[in-house]
Amino acid sequence: MATATATNTVEAKLREASDKNAARRLRTTGLIPAVLYGAKKDPRAIAVDPKQIMKILHSASGHNTIFDLNVDGEQAKAMVVDWQYE
């Protein structure tokens, strides 16, 4: 399994609303909705930059890449588990 490197740090923001309209408004600003869960913590709704995520998905290790996720100053290890294209 791939490990995180200094270039695999993704910046994220917490998001309050988690309904369909809020997700659409978020996408129009250029961000994508995501959910951070695991490590015996409550799930958190976040917004991430799609360019950073696509860079990880198109890397040599693809969706198996473990990367650092910076959520409002708090570091966490993360991995893409599921994604959807339209």
N, C-alpha and C. Protein backbone atom coordinates (compact mmCIF):
# COMPACT_ATOMS: atom_id res chain seq x y z
N MET A 1 0.84 -1.17 0.00
CA MET A 1 0.00 0.00 0.00
C MET A 1 0.88 1.24 0.00
N ALA A 2 0.47 2.23 -0.69
CA ALA A 2 1.25 3.47 -0.78
C ALA A 2 1.16 4.27 0.51
N THR A 3 2.19 5.04 0.76
CA THR A 3 2.19 5.87 1.95
C THR A 3 2.13 7.33 1.57
N ALA A 4 1.84 8.16 2.55
CA ALA A 4 1.71 9.59 2.30
C ALA A 4 3.09 10.23 2.15
N THR A 5 3.17 11.22 1.31
CA THR A 5 4.38 12.00 1.16
C THR A 5 4.05 13.46 1.41
N ALA A 6 5.05 14.31 1.39
CA ALA A 6 4.83 15.73 1.64
C ALA A 6 3.94 16.35 0.57
N THR A 7 3.98 15.79 -0.64
CA THR A 7 3.17 16.35 -1.72
C THR A 7 1.72 15.88 -1.66
N ASN A 8 1.42 14.90 -0.84
CA ASN A 8 0.07 14.37 -0.74
C ASN A 8 -0.68 14.94 0.46
N THR A 9 -0.61 16.25 0.65
CA THR A 9 -1.38 16.89 1.71
C THR A 9 -2.56 17.60 1.07
N VAL A 10 -3.75 17.25 1.52
CA VAL A 10 -4.97 17.82 0.97
C VAL A 10 -5.59 18.73 2.02
N GLU A 11 -5.92 19.95 1.61
CA GLU A 11 -6.58 20.91 2.49
C GLU A 11 -8.08 20.69 2.41
N ALA A 12 -8.76 20.73 3.55
CA ALA A 12 -10.21 20.56 3.59
C ALA A 12 -10.82 21.55 4.56
N LYS A 13 -12.09 21.83 4.34
CA LYS A 13 -12.85 22.71 5.23
C LYS A 13 -14.07 21.95 5.73
N LEU A 14 -14.43 22.18 6.99
CA LEU A 14 -15.66 21.61 7.50
C LEU A 14 -16.84 22.31 6.84
N ARG A 15 -17.90 21.56 6.60
CA ARG A 15 -19.10 22.18 6.05
C ARG A 15 -20.27 21.87 6.97
N GLU A 16 -21.14 22.83 7.10
CA GLU A 16 -22.27 22.71 8.02
C GLU A 16 -23.44 21.96 7.39
N ALA A 17 -23.98 22.49 6.33
CA ALA A 17 -25.15 21.88 5.71
C ALA A 17 -24.73 20.65 4.92
N SER A 18 -25.55 19.62 4.98
CA SER A 18 -25.21 18.41 4.25
C SER A 18 -26.36 17.94 3.37
N ASP A 19 -27.23 18.87 2.96
CA ASP A 19 -28.32 18.48 2.08
C ASP A 19 -27.91 18.62 0.61
N LYS A 20 -28.79 18.21 -0.28
CA LYS A 20 -28.49 18.19 -1.71
C LYS A 20 -28.22 19.58 -2.27
N ASN A 21 -29.02 20.56 -1.87
CA ASN A 21 -28.83 21.92 -2.38
C ASN A 21 -27.51 22.51 -1.91
N ALA A 22 -27.13 22.24 -0.68
CA ALA A 22 -25.86 22.75 -0.17
C ALA A 22 -24.69 22.13 -0.95
N ALA A 23 -24.81 20.86 -1.31
CA ALA A 23 -23.76 20.21 -2.10
C ALA A 23 -23.66 20.83 -3.50
N ARG A 24 -24.78 21.17 -4.09
CA ARG A 24 -24.77 21.83 -5.40
C ARG A 24 -24.10 23.20 -5.32
N ARG A 25 -24.47 23.96 -4.30
CA ARG A 25 -23.87 25.29 -4.12
C ARG A 25 -22.36 25.16 -3.89
N LEU A 26 -21.95 24.14 -3.16
CA LEU A 26 -20.54 23.92 -2.91
C LEU A 26 -19.80 23.62 -4.22
N ARG A 27 -20.40 22.78 -5.06
CA ARG A 27 -19.77 22.45 -6.36
C ARG A 27 -19.63 23.67 -7.26
N THR A 28 -20.59 24.60 -7.19
CA THR A 28 -20.48 25.80 -8.02
C THR A 28 -19.33 26.70 -7.57
N THR A 29 -18.89 26.57 -6.33
CA THR A 29 -17.74 27.34 -5.85
C THR A 29 -16.42 26.68 -6.23
N GLY A 30 -16.49 25.47 -6.80
CA GLY A 30 -15.27 24.78 -7.24
C GLY A 30 -14.77 23.73 -6.28
N LEU A 31 -15.50 23.44 -5.21
CA LEU A 31 -15.11 22.41 -4.25
C LEU A 31 -16.06 21.22 -4.40
N ILE A 32 -15.67 20.08 -3.81
CA ILE A 32 -16.54 18.92 -3.84
C ILE A 32 -16.83 18.46 -2.41
N PRO A 33 -18.05 17.97 -2.17
CA PRO A 33 -18.38 17.48 -0.83
C PRO A 33 -17.75 16.12 -0.59
N ALA A 34 -17.39 15.89 0.68
CA ALA A 34 -16.80 14.60 1.07
C ALA A 34 -17.17 14.34 2.52
N VAL A 35 -16.94 13.10 2.95
CA VAL A 35 -17.18 12.73 4.34
C VAL A 35 -15.92 12.06 4.87
N LEU A 36 -15.47 12.52 6.03
CA LEU A 36 -14.31 11.94 6.70
C LEU A 36 -14.84 11.09 7.85
N TYR A 37 -14.50 9.80 7.85
CA TYR A 37 -14.95 8.93 8.92
C TYR A 37 -13.90 7.89 9.23
N GLY A 38 -14.05 7.23 10.37
CA GLY A 38 -13.14 6.18 10.78
C GLY A 38 -12.39 6.57 12.04
N ALA A 39 -11.45 5.73 12.45
CA ALA A 39 -10.60 5.94 13.63
C ALA A 39 -11.44 6.18 14.88
N LYS A 40 -12.61 5.54 14.96
CA LYS A 40 -13.50 5.63 16.12
C LYS A 40 -13.89 7.07 16.43
N LYS A 41 -14.03 7.90 15.38
CA LYS A 41 -14.49 9.28 15.53
C LYS A 41 -15.79 9.45 14.78
N ASP A 42 -16.54 10.47 15.14
CA ASP A 42 -17.79 10.75 14.44
C ASP A 42 -17.50 11.20 13.01
N PRO A 43 -18.37 10.85 12.06
CA PRO A 43 -18.18 11.30 10.68
C PRO A 43 -18.31 12.82 10.60
N ARG A 44 -17.48 13.41 9.73
CA ARG A 44 -17.51 14.86 9.54
C ARG A 44 -17.67 15.17 8.07
N ALA A 45 -18.58 16.09 7.77
CA ALA A 45 -18.79 16.55 6.39
C ALA A 45 -17.73 17.60 6.09
N ILE A 46 -17.01 17.40 4.98
CA ILE A 46 -15.94 18.32 4.60
C ILE A 46 -16.08 18.70 3.13
N ALA A 47 -15.31 19.70 2.74
CA ALA A 47 -15.24 20.13 1.34
C ALA A 47 -13.77 20.11 0.94
N VAL A 48 -13.46 19.52 -0.23
CA VAL A 48 -12.08 19.41 -0.70
C VAL A 48 -11.95 19.92 -2.12
N ASP A 49 -10.72 20.22 -2.51
CA ASP A 49 -10.41 20.69 -3.86
C ASP A 49 -10.37 19.49 -4.81
N PRO A 50 -11.16 19.48 -5.87
CA PRO A 50 -11.18 18.33 -6.77
C PRO A 50 -9.85 18.10 -7.49
N LYS A 51 -9.09 19.15 -7.72
CA LYS A 51 -7.79 18.98 -8.40
C LYS A 51 -6.84 18.15 -7.55
N GLN A 52 -6.84 18.38 -6.24
CA GLN A 52 -5.96 17.61 -5.37
C GLN A 52 -6.39 16.14 -5.31
N ILE A 53 -7.70 15.90 -5.27
CA ILE A 53 -8.20 14.53 -5.21
C ILE A 53 -7.94 13.80 -6.53
N MET A 54 -8.15 14.46 -7.66
CA MET A 54 -7.90 13.82 -8.95
C MET A 54 -6.42 13.49 -9.13
N LYS A 55 -5.56 14.35 -8.61
CA LYS A 55 -4.12 14.09 -8.66
C LYS A 55 -3.79 12.80 -7.91
N ILE A 56 -4.44 12.59 -6.77
CA ILE A 56 -4.22 11.37 -6.00
C ILE A 56 -4.81 10.16 -6.73
N LEU A 57 -6.03 10.29 -7.26
CA LEU A 57 -6.67 9.16 -7.95
C LEU A 57 -5.92 8.75 -9.21
N HIS A 58 -5.26 9.69 -9.88
CA HIS A 58 -4.51 9.38 -11.10
C HIS A 58 -3.05 9.07 -10.84
N SER A 59 -2.65 8.97 -9.57
CA SER A 59 -1.26 8.63 -9.25
C SER A 59 -1.03 7.14 -9.49
N ALA A 60 0.20 6.71 -9.32
CA ALA A 60 0.56 5.31 -9.56
C ALA A 60 -0.20 4.36 -8.64
N SER A 61 -0.42 4.74 -7.39
CA SER A 61 -1.12 3.87 -6.45
C SER A 61 -2.62 4.12 -6.44
N GLY A 62 -3.09 5.14 -7.14
CA GLY A 62 -4.52 5.39 -7.30
C GLY A 62 -5.26 5.61 -6.01
N HIS A 63 -6.45 5.00 -5.91
CA HIS A 63 -7.27 5.22 -4.73
C HIS A 63 -6.71 4.55 -3.48
N ASN A 64 -5.68 3.74 -3.61
CA ASN A 64 -5.05 3.11 -2.45
C ASN A 64 -4.05 4.03 -1.75
N THR A 65 -3.87 5.23 -2.25
CA THR A 65 -2.92 6.17 -1.68
C THR A 65 -3.41 6.67 -0.32
N ILE A 66 -2.54 6.60 0.66
CA ILE A 66 -2.82 7.18 1.97
C ILE A 66 -2.20 8.57 1.96
N PHE A 67 -3.01 9.58 2.28
CA PHE A 67 -2.53 10.95 2.23
C PHE A 67 -2.88 11.69 3.52
N ASP A 68 -2.23 12.81 3.73
CA ASP A 68 -2.51 13.65 4.89
C ASP A 68 -3.66 14.59 4.55
N LEU A 69 -4.62 14.68 5.45
CA LEU A 69 -5.75 15.56 5.26
C LEU A 69 -5.72 16.61 6.37
N ASN A 70 -5.66 17.86 5.98
CA ASN A 70 -5.63 18.96 6.93
C ASN A 70 -7.01 19.59 6.99
N VAL A 71 -7.73 19.34 8.08
CA VAL A 71 -9.09 19.86 8.25
C VAL A 71 -9.04 20.97 9.29
N ASP A 72 -9.05 22.20 8.81
CA ASP A 72 -9.03 23.38 9.69
C ASP A 72 -7.93 23.27 10.75
N GLY A 73 -6.73 22.92 10.32
CA GLY A 73 -5.58 22.87 11.21
C GLY A 73 -5.36 21.53 11.89
N GLU A 74 -6.28 20.60 11.77
CA GLU A 74 -6.14 19.28 12.38
C GLU A 74 -5.71 18.27 11.33
N GLN A 75 -4.59 17.59 11.55
CA GLN A 75 -4.06 16.60 10.60
C GLN A 75 -4.69 15.23 10.83
N ALA A 76 -4.95 14.53 9.75
CA ALA A 76 -5.46 13.17 9.81
C ALA A 76 -4.97 12.41 8.59
N LYS A 77 -4.76 11.13 8.73
CA LYS A 77 -4.45 10.27 7.58
C LYS A 77 -5.77 9.87 6.94
N ALA A 78 -5.80 9.83 5.62
CA ALA A 78 -7.03 9.50 4.92
C ALA A 78 -6.74 8.69 3.67
N MET A 79 -7.80 8.07 3.16
CA MET A 79 -7.72 7.28 1.94
C MET A 79 -9.07 7.38 1.25
N VAL A 80 -9.08 7.46 -0.06
CA VAL A 80 -10.33 7.53 -0.80
C VAL A 80 -10.95 6.14 -0.80
N VAL A 81 -12.16 6.02 -0.26
CA VAL A 81 -12.83 4.73 -0.20
C VAL A 81 -13.83 4.58 -1.33
N ASP A 82 -14.57 5.63 -1.61
CA ASP A 82 -15.58 5.57 -2.65
C ASP A 82 -15.67 6.94 -3.31
N TRP A 83 -15.93 6.96 -4.61
CA TRP A 83 -16.09 8.23 -5.32
C TRP A 83 -17.06 8.02 -6.47
N GLN A 84 -17.66 9.11 -6.93
CA GLN A 84 -18.61 9.05 -8.03
C GLN A 84 -18.24 10.06 -9.09
N TYR A 85 -18.37 9.66 -10.34
CA TYR A 85 -18.21 10.57 -11.47
C TYR A 85 -19.57 10.78 -12.10
N GLU A 86 -19.76 11.94 -12.66
CA GLU A 86 -21.02 12.18 -13.34
C GLU A 86 -20.77 12.46 -14.79
